[in-house]
Amino acid sequence: SKSSEPIIFVLYSWPSEKGKGIAKDIRRKNERLPIESHHLARLLSVVPSKTQMSFMGFSFGCPLICGALHLERGGSLAGCKLPQVISRSGSYRLSLTAPAFDRCRLGPSGTYRFALGNVNCLVNLFNPTDPVLKRFRFIDERYSPVAAGYAGLPRYSYYCDGLGGFK
């Protein structure tokens, strides 16, 4: 079937040059995520609510997208918040490839716990042999996070509610 709606591509890029040392580079990029997620969320807030959208993130693009979707549903990140909650009733499709964020962040008490509220389809591609994601635990020595791109997502973080959304 042909759709009469136009296809619009938005490519979001942010400075991500490699720094000295993997752990230092990961920490530096991780510190930028809340503000970059806020920028993307503000961009999404002007898109009409009935618009179907698909997101594809790779590595640090995954937490950037999840952060923006979390903000859109009323969450906050590092003090950043949108002025109003945006409900799109399951109009997003989300593909995460080698996500560089802790695998528990989409869970009920995670940093991005509201991110899946407008998502009706989620794919997470992970690689348990990735040498960089294997060392992701060094991003924060306090609790040794495990990257979703290395070990996948816990079952609770992608439970479909049967109504076209995730809980």
C-alpha atoms as a PDB file:
ATOM      1  CA  SER A   1       0.000   0.000   0.000  1.00  0.00           C
ATOM      2  CA  LYS A   2       1.191   3.478  -0.811  1.00  0.00           C
ATOM      3  CA  SER A   3       1.225   6.204   1.769  1.00  0.00           C
ATOM      4  CA  SER A   4       0.455   9.781   0.830  1.00  0.00           C
ATOM      5  CA  GLU A   5       2.437  11.072   3.790  1.00  0.00           C
ATOM      6  CA  PRO A   6       5.936  12.347   3.052  1.00  0.00           C
ATOM      7  CA  ILE A   7       8.959  10.691   4.596  1.00  0.00           C
ATOM      8  CA  ILE A   8      11.131  13.092   6.539  1.00  0.00           C
ATOM      9  CA  PHE A   9      14.648  12.188   7.647  1.00  0.00           C
ATOM     10  CA  VAL A  10      16.239  13.992  10.557  1.00  0.00           C
ATOM     11  CA  LEU A  11      19.889  13.258  11.261  1.00  0.00           C
ATOM     12  CA  TYR A  12      20.995  14.442  14.685  1.00  0.00           C
ATOM     13  CA  SER A  13      24.719  14.749  15.111  1.00  0.00           C
ATOM     14  CA  TRP A  14      26.792  16.057  17.979  1.00  0.00           C
ATOM     15  CA  PRO A  15      30.535  16.394  18.494  1.00  0.00           C
ATOM     16  CA  SER A  16      31.848  12.953  19.311  1.00  0.00           C
ATOM     17  CA  GLU A  17      35.504  12.905  18.409  1.00  0.00           C
ATOM     18  CA  LYS A  18      37.565  10.318  20.218  1.00  0.00           C
ATOM     19  CA  GLY A  19      39.368  11.618  23.263  1.00  0.00           C
ATOM     20  CA  LYS A  20      42.408  10.234  25.003  1.00  0.00           C
ATOM     21  CA  GLY A  21      41.614   6.961  26.769  1.00  0.00           C
ATOM     22  CA  ILE A  22      38.420   4.957  26.311  1.00  0.00           C
ATOM     23  CA  ALA A  23      37.060   5.451  29.847  1.00  0.00           C
ATOM     24  CA  LYS A  24      37.692   9.221  29.805  1.00  0.00           C
ATOM     25  CA  ASP A  25      36.121   9.503  26.340  1.00  0.00           C
ATOM     26  CA  ILE A  26      33.020   7.560  27.451  1.00  0.00           C
ATOM     27  CA  ARG A  27      32.620   9.700  30.595  1.00  0.00           C
ATOM     28  CA  ARG A  28      32.924  12.938  28.607  1.00  0.00           C
ATOM     29  CA  LYS A  29      30.254  11.842  26.112  1.00  0.00           C
ATOM     30  CA  ASN A  30      28.032  10.571  28.907  1.00  0.00           C
ATOM     31  CA  GLU A  31      28.145  14.006  30.579  1.00  0.00           C
ATOM     32  CA  ARG A  32      26.790  15.638  27.394  1.00  0.00           C
ATOM     33  CA  LEU A  33      23.782  13.330  27.060  1.00  0.00           C
ATOM     34  CA  PRO A  34      21.213  15.215  29.195  1.00  0.00           C
ATOM     35  CA  ILE A  35      21.604  18.501  27.325  1.00  0.00           C
ATOM     36  CA  GLU A  36      21.743  16.799  23.911  1.00  0.00           C
ATOM     37  CA  SER A  37      18.626  14.776  24.812  1.00  0.00           C
ATOM     38  CA  HIS A  38      16.904  18.013  25.801  1.00  0.00           C
ATOM     39  CA  HIS A  39      17.738  19.574  22.413  1.00  0.00           C
ATOM     40  CA  LEU A  40      16.288  16.566  20.578  1.00  0.00           C
ATOM     41  CA  ALA A  41      13.185  16.517  22.806  1.00  0.00           C
ATOM     42  CA  ARG A  42      12.547  20.194  22.051  1.00  0.00           C
ATOM     43  CA  LEU A  43      12.801  19.441  18.340  1.00  0.00           C
ATOM     44  CA  LEU A  44      10.322  16.558  18.706  1.00  0.00           C
ATOM     45  CA  SER A  45       7.913  18.774  20.647  1.00  0.00           C
ATOM     46  CA  VAL A  46       7.118  20.797  17.507  1.00  0.00           C
ATOM     47  CA  VAL A  47       6.247  17.717  15.418  1.00  0.00           C
ATOM     48  CA  PRO A  48       2.464  17.181  15.134  1.00  0.00           C
ATOM     49  CA  SER A  49       1.290  14.569  17.678  1.00  0.00           C
ATOM     50  CA  LYS A  50      -0.273  12.219  15.075  1.00  0.00           C
ATOM     51  CA  THR A  51       3.008  11.853  13.164  1.00  0.00           C
ATOM     52  CA  GLN A  52       4.421   8.313  13.011  1.00  0.00           C
ATOM     53  CA  MET A  53       8.173   8.298  13.649  1.00  0.00           C
ATOM     54  CA  SER A  54      10.978   5.780  13.703  1.00  0.00           C
ATOM     55  CA  PHE A  55      14.229   6.277  15.582  1.00  0.00           C
ATOM     56  CA  MET A  56      17.484   4.488  14.985  1.00  0.00           C
ATOM     57  CA  GLY A  57      20.347   5.034  17.376  1.00  0.00           C
ATOM     58  CA  PHE A  58      23.854   3.673  17.468  1.00  0.00           C
ATOM     59  CA  SER A  59      26.117   3.645  20.532  1.00  0.00           C
ATOM     60  CA  PHE A  60      25.712   7.010  22.302  1.00  0.00           C
ATOM     61  CA  GLY A  61      22.872   7.881  19.913  1.00  0.00           C
ATOM     62  CA  CYS A  62      20.738   5.349  21.810  1.00  0.00           C
ATOM     63  CA  PRO A  63      20.805   7.095  25.215  1.00  0.00           C
ATOM     64  CA  LEU A  64      20.404  10.416  23.428  1.00  0.00           C
ATOM     65  CA  ILE A  65      17.145   9.194  21.836  1.00  0.00           C
ATOM     66  CA  CYS A  66      15.927   7.419  24.991  1.00  0.00           C
ATOM     67  CA  GLY A  67      16.674  10.560  26.992  1.00  0.00           C
ATOM     68  CA  ALA A  68      14.647  12.692  24.563  1.00  0.00           C
ATOM     69  CA  LEU A  69      11.705  10.255  24.670  1.00  0.00           C
ATOM     70  CA  HIS A  70      11.902  10.196  28.475  1.00  0.00           C
ATOM     71  CA  LEU A  71      11.790  14.006  28.609  1.00  0.00           C
ATOM     72  CA  GLU A  72       8.871  14.070  26.172  1.00  0.00           C
ATOM     73  CA  ARG A  73       6.788  11.921  28.555  1.00  0.00           C
ATOM     74  CA  GLY A  74       7.402  14.206  31.543  1.00  0.00           C
ATOM     75  CA  GLY A  75      10.716  12.915  32.856  1.00  0.00           C
ATOM     76  CA  SER A  76      13.724  15.016  33.733  1.00  0.00           C
ATOM     77  CA  LEU A  77      17.448  14.626  33.130  1.00  0.00           C
ATOM     78  CA  ALA A  78      20.060  16.592  35.087  1.00  0.00           C
ATOM     79  CA  GLY A  79      17.497  19.309  35.827  1.00  0.00           C
ATOM     80  CA  CYS A  80      16.304  19.531  32.197  1.00  0.00           C
ATOM     81  CA  LYS A  81      12.570  19.161  31.660  1.00  0.00           C
ATOM     82  CA  LEU A  82      10.083  20.071  28.917  1.00  0.00           C
ATOM     83  CA  PRO A  83       7.275  22.511  29.782  1.00  0.00           C
ATOM     84  CA  GLN A  84       4.567  19.925  28.987  1.00  0.00           C
ATOM     85  CA  VAL A  85       4.115  16.166  28.601  1.00  0.00           C
ATOM     86  CA  ILE A  86       3.666  14.988  25.012  1.00  0.00           C
ATOM     87  CA  SER A  87       1.506  11.915  24.442  1.00  0.00           C
ATOM     88  CA  ARG A  88       1.712  10.257  21.046  1.00  0.00           C
ATOM     89  CA  SER A  89      -0.083   6.998  21.946  1.00  0.00           C
ATOM     90  CA  GLY A  90       2.389   4.476  20.594  1.00  0.00           C
ATOM     91  CA  SER A  91       3.398   6.266  17.426  1.00  0.00           C
ATOM     92  CA  TYR A  92       7.142   5.558  17.691  1.00  0.00           C
ATOM     93  CA  ARG A  93       9.277   2.687  16.480  1.00  0.00           C
ATOM     94  CA  LEU A  94      12.671   2.445  18.160  1.00  0.00           C
ATOM     95  CA  SER A  95      15.780   0.581  17.020  1.00  0.00           C
ATOM     96  CA  LEU A  96      18.804   0.542  19.305  1.00  0.00           C
ATOM     97  CA  THR A  97      22.104  -0.746  17.925  1.00  0.00           C
ATOM     98  CA  ALA A  98      24.935  -1.362  20.412  1.00  0.00           C
ATOM     99  CA  PRO A  99      23.367   1.019  22.959  1.00  0.00           C
ATOM    100  CA  ALA A 100      25.927   2.709  25.192  1.00  0.00           C
ATOM    101  CA  PHE A 101      23.826   3.032  28.326  1.00  0.00           C
ATOM    102  CA  ASP A 102      23.305   0.925  31.421  1.00  0.00           C
ATOM    103  CA  ARG A 103      20.908  -1.896  30.627  1.00  0.00           C
ATOM    104  CA  CYS A 104      18.684  -0.986  33.619  1.00  0.00           C
ATOM    105  CA  ARG A 105      18.007   2.610  32.540  1.00  0.00           C
ATOM    106  CA  LEU A 106      14.708   1.728  30.805  1.00  0.00           C
ATOM    107  CA  GLY A 107      13.449  -0.111  33.898  1.00  0.00           C
ATOM    108  CA  PRO A 108      10.808   1.119  36.381  1.00  0.00           C
ATOM    109  CA  SER A 109      13.301   3.157  38.426  1.00  0.00           C
ATOM    110  CA  GLY A 110      15.796   3.841  35.628  1.00  0.00           C
ATOM    111  CA  THR A 111      16.993   7.147  34.246  1.00  0.00           C
ATOM    112  CA  TYR A 112      14.882   6.687  31.072  1.00  0.00           C
ATOM    113  CA  ARG A 113      11.880   4.995  32.740  1.00  0.00           C
ATOM    114  CA  PHE A 114       9.311   7.028  30.726  1.00  0.00           C
ATOM    115  CA  ALA A 115      11.093   6.593  27.365  1.00  0.00           C
ATOM    116  CA  LEU A 116       8.925   3.733  26.109  1.00  0.00           C
ATOM    117  CA  GLY A 117       5.596   5.467  26.781  1.00  0.00           C
ATOM    118  CA  ASN A 118       5.085   6.457  23.134  1.00  0.00           C
ATOM    119  CA  VAL A 119       6.878   3.432  21.639  1.00  0.00           C
ATOM    120  CA  ASN A 120       4.974   0.566  20.006  1.00  0.00           C
ATOM    121  CA  CYS A 121       7.927  -1.383  18.623  1.00  0.00           C
ATOM    122  CA  LEU A 122      11.423  -1.833  20.060  1.00  0.00           C
ATOM    123  CA  VAL A 123      14.458  -3.643  18.666  1.00  0.00           C
ATOM    124  CA  ASN A 124      17.701  -3.840  20.634  1.00  0.00           C
ATOM    125  CA  LEU A 125      20.710  -5.211  18.775  1.00  0.00           C
ATOM    126  CA  PHE A 126      23.524  -6.122  21.131  1.00  0.00           C
ATOM    127  CA  ASN A 127      26.907  -7.785  20.812  1.00  0.00           C
ATOM    128  CA  PRO A 128      28.334  -9.721  23.774  1.00  0.00           C
ATOM    129  CA  THR A 129      31.784  -9.728  22.137  1.00  0.00           C
ATOM    130  CA  ASP A 130      32.113  -5.953  21.604  1.00  0.00           C
ATOM    131  CA  PRO A 131      35.450  -4.977  23.225  1.00  0.00           C
ATOM    132  CA  VAL A 132      34.467  -1.356  23.969  1.00  0.00           C
ATOM    133  CA  LEU A 133      31.018  -2.130  25.403  1.00  0.00           C
ATOM    134  CA  LYS A 134      32.603  -4.871  27.502  1.00  0.00           C
ATOM    135  CA  ARG A 135      34.582  -2.112  29.272  1.00  0.00           C
ATOM    136  CA  PHE A 136      31.515   0.120  29.698  1.00  0.00           C
ATOM    137  CA  ARG A 137      31.467  -0.746  33.400  1.00  0.00           C
ATOM    138  CA  PHE A 138      34.399   1.651  33.868  1.00  0.00           C
ATOM    139  CA  ILE A 139      32.182   4.656  33.048  1.00  0.00           C
ATOM    140  CA  ASP A 140      31.121   4.824  36.694  1.00  0.00           C
ATOM    141  CA  GLU A 141      33.222   3.044  39.293  1.00  0.00           C
ATOM    142  CA  ARG A 142      30.493   3.438  41.937  1.00  0.00           C
ATOM    143  CA  TYR A 143      28.171   0.801  40.491  1.00  0.00           C
ATOM    144  CA  SER A 144      29.809  -0.782  37.384  1.00  0.00           C
ATOM    145  CA  PRO A 145      27.015  -0.420  34.789  1.00  0.00           C
ATOM    146  CA  VAL A 146      26.522  -3.101  32.138  1.00  0.00           C
ATOM    147  CA  ALA A 147      25.873  -1.732  28.639  1.00  0.00           C
ATOM    148  CA  ALA A 148      22.582  -2.673  26.967  1.00  0.00           C
ATOM    149  CA  GLY A 149      24.636  -3.050  23.795  1.00  0.00           C
ATOM    150  CA  TYR A 150      26.782  -5.701  25.478  1.00  0.00           C
ATOM    151  CA  ALA A 151      24.279  -7.723  27.524  1.00  0.00           C
ATOM    152  CA  GLY A 152      20.857  -6.780  26.139  1.00  0.00           C
ATOM    153  CA  LEU A 153      17.892  -5.359  28.048  1.00  0.00           C
ATOM    154  CA  PRO A 154      16.341  -6.932  31.152  1.00  0.00           C
ATOM    155  CA  ARG A 155      12.896  -8.428  30.475  1.00  0.00           C
ATOM    156  CA  TYR A 156      11.000  -5.850  32.557  1.00  0.00           C
ATOM    157  CA  SER A 157      12.228  -2.935  30.483  1.00  0.00           C
ATOM    158  CA  TYR A 158      10.488  -3.987  27.293  1.00  0.00           C
ATOM    159  CA  TYR A 159       7.234  -5.581  28.432  1.00  0.00           C
ATOM    160  CA  CYS A 160       4.521  -4.822  25.869  1.00  0.00           C
ATOM    161  CA  ASP A 161       1.201  -3.863  27.483  1.00  0.00           C
ATOM    162  CA  GLY A 162      -0.825  -5.393  24.619  1.00  0.00           C
ATOM    163  CA  LEU A 163      -2.310  -2.026  23.673  1.00  0.00           C
ATOM    164  CA  GLY A 164       0.488  -0.906  21.366  1.00  0.00           C
ATOM    165  CA  GLY A 165       2.746   0.442  24.084  1.00  0.00           C
ATOM    166  CA  PHE A 166       5.407  -0.675  26.520  1.00  0.00           C
ATOM    167  CA  LYS A 167       5.427  -0.660  30.295  1.00  0.00           C
END
